[in-house]
Amino acid sequence: MSFSSQVLLGLNRLFPLPVHPFNLANDGEMSYTEWQFQKGDQTIQFFLPFHSQEQMFTGKTVLDIGCGGGGKTCYYATFGPKKMIGIDIVPHYAEEGNAFAKEKGLADVVSFMTGDAARMDFADNTFDTIIMNDAMEHVGEPEKTLEECFRVLKPGGHLYINFPPYYHPYGAHLSDAIGIPWVHALFSEQALIDAYKKLVRDLPDGSDRISFRFDKRPDGSDTISYINRMTIKRFRNIQKGVTQPAVYEREIPLRNQLKGLANVPGFREFFVKMVVCVYQKTPSS
């Protein structure tokens, strides 16, 4: 193990871990899917100044991209959609989501499937609402994913996007084991990988966490594949290629006291908690 990895591990002892669903599940407190359901209101709070939950979901045909275990999808379904579909590229989430929907009495309305959001099998103009909560930072082909969203979205329908930018304090998505804020700005990718593997390897789900977060490059070296390093700058550049109108946009600071820093070039990427954007597909599309 490199010296920098050892420094990271030593420094990590000084920082408590944020609450994380993987750790809650290991401690027997609740499953990842139940955690999602309980936090469902938080996943859409950033859209509420623009649209209510009823405007987003009631009577609508809805697609939830990057649904994970399906808990948040089932929460959305409590607002009375006509049909709700959750899609995620991780195979076992569809089974977990469908079981959870049945448990909550929502199986007639909610269903889950495994699929790539950049290559969906749905017909054109299928959905009234598409939501991408904490998904834009994970998709492998964000530009293609947006194209697909607008293809399957009905004219007049809305696409709701929110995500924490890459330089968010926990933007590396390793906070189930590493509690150091902005750790990915302080240490190399290899140091992060080595430290994370050491921290989780003896956990009951350690091997699952490692395979979930990392992959191999063609040369055999490890890389963090769970995220696409979506910065605010990169997202704004992607938006330049989108022909549909953005009807609502916000950048939420980490705290209100840090709002000034979140508006300063050079600091903005580090002090914005959430990027929020709502698109509406034009009726003529």
Protein backbone atom coordinates (compact mmCIF):
# COMPACT_ATOMS: atom_id res chain seq x y z
CA MET A 1 0.00 0.00 0.00
CA SER A 2 1.30 3.44 -0.94
CA PHE A 3 2.32 6.06 1.59
CA SER A 4 -0.56 8.31 0.47
CA SER A 5 -3.06 5.50 1.10
CA GLN A 6 -1.66 5.06 4.59
CA VAL A 7 -1.97 8.80 5.23
CA LEU A 8 -5.57 8.67 4.00
CA LEU A 9 -6.38 5.79 6.35
CA GLY A 10 -4.81 7.60 9.28
CA LEU A 11 -6.65 10.82 8.52
CA ASN A 12 -9.92 8.94 8.06
CA ARG A 13 -9.88 7.94 11.73
CA LEU A 14 -10.48 11.58 12.61
CA PHE A 15 -13.73 11.87 10.64
CA PRO A 16 -17.04 10.20 11.54
CA LEU A 17 -18.84 8.55 8.67
CA PRO A 18 -22.03 10.16 7.37
CA VAL A 19 -25.14 8.03 7.68
CA HIS A 20 -25.07 5.60 4.76
CA PRO A 21 -27.65 2.97 3.74
CA PHE A 22 -25.03 0.26 3.20
CA ASN A 23 -23.94 0.58 6.82
CA LEU A 24 -27.52 0.76 8.08
CA ALA A 25 -28.24 -2.49 6.27
CA ASN A 26 -25.16 -4.17 7.73
CA ASP A 27 -26.19 -3.04 11.21
CA GLY A 28 -29.65 -4.53 10.73
CA GLU A 29 -31.41 -1.18 11.02
CA MET A 30 -33.07 -1.09 7.60
CA SER A 31 -32.53 -2.21 4.02
CA TYR A 32 -31.22 0.10 1.32
CA THR A 33 -34.66 0.04 -0.33
CA GLU A 34 -36.49 0.94 2.89
CA TRP A 35 -33.99 3.75 3.47
CA GLN A 36 -34.75 5.08 -0.01
CA PHE A 37 -38.47 4.99 0.72
CA GLN A 38 -38.08 6.86 4.00
CA LYS A 39 -35.90 9.49 2.30
CA GLY A 40 -38.20 9.80 -0.70
CA ASP A 41 -39.45 13.25 0.21
CA GLN A 42 -35.88 14.55 0.25
CA THR A 43 -35.23 13.31 -3.29
CA ILE A 44 -37.79 15.70 -4.76
CA GLN A 45 -37.59 18.66 -2.39
CA PHE A 46 -35.46 20.65 -4.81
CA PHE A 47 -38.21 20.59 -7.45
CA LEU A 48 -41.03 21.71 -5.18
CA PRO A 49 -40.55 25.46 -5.70
CA PHE A 50 -41.37 24.74 -9.35
CA HIS A 51 -43.84 21.84 -9.27
CA SER A 52 -45.74 20.07 -6.50
CA GLN A 53 -45.60 16.31 -6.02
CA GLU A 54 -49.08 16.12 -7.54
CA GLN A 55 -47.97 18.02 -10.64
CA MET A 56 -45.02 15.69 -11.00
CA PHE A 57 -46.76 12.36 -10.43
CA THR A 58 -50.55 12.30 -9.99
CA GLY A 59 -52.25 10.60 -12.93
CA LYS A 60 -48.96 10.52 -14.84
CA THR A 61 -47.00 7.75 -16.55
CA VAL A 62 -43.61 8.08 -14.85
CA LEU A 63 -40.10 6.75 -15.46
CA ASP A 64 -37.54 6.77 -12.64
CA ILE A 65 -34.02 6.48 -14.09
CA GLY A 66 -31.34 5.15 -11.77
CA CYS A 67 -33.95 3.89 -9.33
CA GLY A 68 -31.57 1.76 -7.27
CA GLY A 69 -33.45 -0.58 -4.96
CA GLY A 70 -36.76 1.05 -5.84
CA GLY A 71 -37.64 2.65 -2.53
CA LYS A 72 -37.81 6.19 -3.86
CA THR A 73 -39.82 4.96 -6.87
CA CYS A 74 -42.38 3.44 -4.52
CA TYR A 75 -42.47 6.70 -2.56
CA TYR A 76 -43.28 8.61 -5.76
CA ALA A 77 -46.06 6.10 -6.39
CA THR A 78 -47.85 7.21 -3.20
CA PHE A 79 -48.88 10.35 -5.12
CA GLY A 80 -51.16 8.42 -7.44
CA PRO A 81 -49.44 7.99 -10.80
CA LYS A 82 -51.17 6.07 -13.56
CA LYS A 83 -48.04 3.95 -14.04
CA MET A 84 -44.56 4.06 -12.53
CA ILE A 85 -41.51 2.25 -13.95
CA GLY A 86 -38.08 2.17 -12.35
CA ILE A 87 -35.01 1.33 -14.40
CA ASP A 88 -31.46 0.65 -13.25
CA ILE A 89 -28.44 -0.99 -14.82
CA VAL A 90 -27.69 -3.09 -11.70
CA PRO A 91 -29.50 -6.42 -12.28
CA HIS A 92 -30.55 -7.34 -8.73
CA TYR A 93 -32.32 -4.01 -8.13
CA ALA A 94 -35.28 -4.98 -10.32
CA GLU A 95 -36.03 -8.03 -8.19
CA GLU A 96 -35.62 -6.05 -4.96
CA GLY A 97 -37.81 -3.23 -6.25
CA ASN A 98 -40.62 -5.49 -7.41
CA ALA A 99 -40.62 -7.30 -4.07
CA PHE A 100 -40.74 -3.98 -2.21
CA ALA A 101 -43.59 -2.69 -4.38
CA LYS A 102 -45.57 -5.83 -3.55
CA GLU A 103 -44.82 -5.37 0.15
CA LYS A 104 -46.12 -1.79 0.00
CA GLY A 105 -49.24 -2.76 -1.95
CA LEU A 106 -48.07 -0.87 -5.03
CA ALA A 107 -47.40 -3.74 -7.44
CA ASP A 108 -50.38 -2.83 -9.65
CA VAL A 109 -48.86 0.58 -10.34
CA VAL A 110 -45.08 0.13 -9.95
CA SER A 111 -42.72 -2.18 -11.81
CA PHE A 112 -38.97 -2.40 -12.19
CA MET A 113 -36.64 -3.46 -14.96
CA THR A 114 -32.94 -3.77 -15.66
CA GLY A 115 -31.68 -1.59 -18.46
CA ASP A 116 -29.30 1.05 -19.75
CA ALA A 117 -30.83 4.53 -19.74
CA ALA A 118 -28.84 5.35 -22.87
CA ARG A 119 -30.54 2.51 -24.78
CA MET A 120 -34.12 2.09 -23.60
CA ASP A 121 -36.70 -0.18 -25.21
CA PHE A 122 -39.65 2.14 -24.66
CA ALA A 123 -41.59 3.59 -27.59
CA ASP A 124 -41.34 7.26 -28.45
CA ASN A 125 -43.54 9.63 -26.43
CA THR A 126 -44.31 7.15 -23.63
CA PHE A 127 -43.87 9.10 -20.38
CA ASP A 128 -45.40 12.25 -18.91
CA THR A 129 -42.66 12.53 -16.28
CA ILE A 130 -39.07 11.32 -16.13
CA ILE A 131 -37.07 11.78 -12.96
CA MET A 132 -33.31 11.40 -12.62
CA ASN A 133 -32.59 11.81 -8.92
CA ASP A 134 -28.90 11.36 -8.13
CA ALA A 135 -28.44 9.60 -11.46
CA MET A 136 -26.73 12.09 -13.79
CA GLU A 137 -23.41 11.57 -11.98
CA HIS A 138 -23.60 7.80 -12.60
CA VAL A 139 -24.72 7.25 -16.19
CA GLY A 140 -21.96 6.15 -18.52
CA GLU A 141 -23.19 8.16 -21.51
CA PRO A 142 -24.91 11.29 -20.20
CA GLU A 143 -25.44 12.94 -23.59
CA LYS A 144 -27.01 9.79 -25.04
CA THR A 145 -29.09 9.33 -21.89
CA LEU A 146 -30.59 12.80 -22.28
CA GLU A 147 -31.35 12.11 -25.93
CA GLU A 148 -33.17 8.94 -24.91
CA CYS A 149 -35.09 10.80 -22.22
CA PHE A 150 -36.42 13.31 -24.73
CA ARG A 151 -37.26 10.51 -27.18
CA VAL A 152 -39.45 8.61 -24.70
CA LEU A 153 -40.89 11.75 -23.05
CA LYS A 154 -44.27 12.89 -24.31
CA PRO A 155 -44.54 16.38 -25.85
CA GLY A 156 -45.26 18.74 -22.98
CA GLY A 157 -43.80 16.28 -20.47
CA HIS A 158 -41.11 17.13 -17.93
CA LEU A 159 -37.66 15.74 -17.20
CA TYR A 160 -36.50 16.37 -13.62
CA ILE A 161 -32.75 16.18 -12.94
CA ASN A 162 -30.86 16.69 -9.71
CA PHE A 163 -27.38 15.55 -8.76
CA PRO A 164 -24.49 16.41 -6.43
CA PRO A 165 -21.57 17.66 -8.54
CA TYR A 166 -18.30 15.75 -8.49
CA TYR A 167 -16.51 18.13 -6.10
CA HIS A 168 -19.28 17.95 -3.53
CA PRO A 169 -17.60 17.01 -0.20
CA TYR A 170 -18.68 13.39 -0.71
CA GLY A 171 -18.75 13.43 -4.49
CA ALA A 172 -16.45 10.42 -4.71
CA HIS A 173 -19.36 8.30 -3.43
CA LEU A 174 -17.13 6.43 -0.99
CA SER A 175 -18.58 7.85 2.22
CA ASP A 176 -19.80 4.47 3.43
CA ALA A 177 -16.17 3.91 4.43
CA ILE A 178 -14.28 7.21 3.97
CA GLY A 179 -15.58 10.17 5.96
CA ILE A 180 -13.03 12.77 4.85
CA PRO A 181 -14.80 15.58 2.98
CA TRP A 182 -13.37 16.40 -0.46
CA VAL A 183 -11.09 13.36 -0.15
CA HIS A 184 -11.06 12.93 -3.94
CA ALA A 185 -9.58 16.42 -4.31
CA LEU A 186 -6.82 15.59 -1.84
CA PHE A 187 -5.72 12.09 -2.85
CA SER A 188 -5.17 10.18 -6.08
CA GLU A 189 -7.72 7.75 -7.44
CA GLN A 190 -5.43 4.82 -6.65
CA ALA A 191 -5.01 5.96 -3.06
CA LEU A 192 -8.79 6.16 -2.71
CA ILE A 193 -9.26 2.69 -4.17
CA ASP A 194 -6.57 1.07 -2.02
CA ALA A 195 -7.86 2.70 1.17
CA TYR A 196 -11.48 1.87 0.44
CA LYS A 197 -10.70 -1.76 -0.27
CA LYS A 198 -8.83 -2.10 3.01
CA LEU A 199 -11.67 -0.46 4.95
CA VAL A 200 -14.46 -2.65 3.57
CA ARG A 201 -12.78 -5.95 2.73
CA ASP A 202 -13.75 -7.63 6.02
CA LEU A 203 -17.35 -6.41 6.01
CA PRO A 204 -20.10 -8.95 5.26
CA ASP A 205 -20.81 -7.18 1.97
CA GLY A 206 -17.25 -6.01 1.35
CA SER A 207 -16.71 -7.85 -1.92
CA ASP A 208 -20.07 -6.59 -3.21
CA ARG A 209 -19.16 -2.99 -2.37
CA ILE A 210 -15.82 -3.30 -4.14
CA SER A 211 -17.29 -4.77 -7.34
CA PHE A 212 -20.09 -2.19 -7.22
CA ARG A 213 -17.75 0.80 -7.10
CA PHE A 214 -14.69 -0.27 -9.12
CA ASP A 215 -13.85 -1.79 -12.47
CA LYS A 216 -10.77 -2.61 -14.50
CA ARG A 217 -9.24 -0.49 -17.22
CA PRO A 218 -7.93 -2.22 -20.37
CA ASP A 219 -4.44 -2.23 -18.82
CA GLY A 220 -5.72 -4.09 -15.76
CA SER A 221 -5.53 -1.19 -13.32
CA ASP A 222 -8.50 -0.28 -11.10
CA THR A 223 -10.76 2.69 -11.68
CA ILE A 224 -13.76 4.15 -9.88
CA SER A 225 -16.48 3.24 -12.36
CA TYR A 226 -19.53 3.97 -10.21
CA ILE A 227 -19.41 7.69 -11.04
CA ASN A 228 -18.68 9.66 -14.20
CA ARG A 229 -17.11 12.69 -12.44
CA MET A 230 -19.93 15.01 -13.47
CA THR A 231 -18.87 18.53 -12.55
CA ILE A 232 -21.07 21.60 -12.88
CA LYS A 233 -18.92 22.78 -15.78
CA ARG A 234 -19.28 19.49 -17.62
CA PHE A 235 -23.05 19.44 -17.14
CA ARG A 236 -23.37 23.02 -18.40
CA ASN A 237 -21.38 22.06 -21.50
CA ILE A 238 -23.64 19.06 -22.08
CA GLN A 239 -26.65 21.35 -21.78
CA LYS A 240 -25.41 23.39 -24.73
CA GLY A 241 -26.25 20.44 -26.97
CA VAL A 242 -29.81 20.09 -25.62
CA THR A 243 -32.43 21.65 -27.89
CA GLN A 244 -35.31 21.36 -25.41
CA PRO A 245 -35.88 24.30 -23.06
CA ALA A 246 -34.76 24.22 -19.44
CA VAL A 247 -37.76 25.69 -17.62
CA TYR A 248 -36.26 25.66 -14.12
CA GLU A 249 -32.65 25.66 -12.85
CA ARG A 250 -31.02 26.06 -9.45
CA GLU A 251 -27.66 25.48 -7.81
CA ILE A 252 -28.13 24.75 -4.10
CA PRO A 253 -25.22 25.68 -1.80
CA LEU A 254 -23.94 23.30 0.87
CA ARG A 255 -25.31 25.69 3.48
CA ASN A 256 -26.99 29.07 3.26
CA GLN A 257 -23.97 30.60 5.02
CA LEU A 258 -21.80 29.36 2.13
CA LYS A 259 -24.03 30.80 -0.60
CA GLY A 260 -21.45 33.46 -1.41
CA LEU A 261 -18.68 30.92 -1.96
CA ALA A 262 -20.99 28.81 -4.12
CA ASN A 263 -21.20 31.76 -6.52
CA VAL A 264 -17.46 32.40 -6.73
CA PRO A 265 -15.54 30.92 -9.69
CA GLY A 266 -13.00 28.43 -8.40
CA PHE A 267 -15.06 27.71 -5.29
CA ARG A 268 -18.38 26.98 -6.95
CA GLU A 269 -17.66 23.35 -7.76
CA PHE A 270 -16.73 22.68 -4.11
CA PHE A 271 -19.58 24.49 -2.36
CA VAL A 272 -22.64 23.56 -4.44
CA LYS A 273 -24.61 20.73 -2.84
CA MET A 274 -27.05 20.06 -5.65
CA VAL A 275 -27.53 20.97 -9.30
CA VAL A 276 -31.22 21.09 -10.22
CA CYS A 277 -32.71 21.30 -13.69
CA VAL A 278 -36.16 20.73 -15.16
CA TYR A 279 -36.71 20.38 -18.89
CA GLN A 280 -40.00 20.42 -20.75
CA LYS A 281 -40.31 18.71 -24.10
CA THR A 282 -41.77 21.13 -26.58
CA PRO A 283 -45.18 20.14 -27.98
CA SER A 284 -43.83 20.12 -31.53
CA SER A 285 -41.04 17.63 -30.74
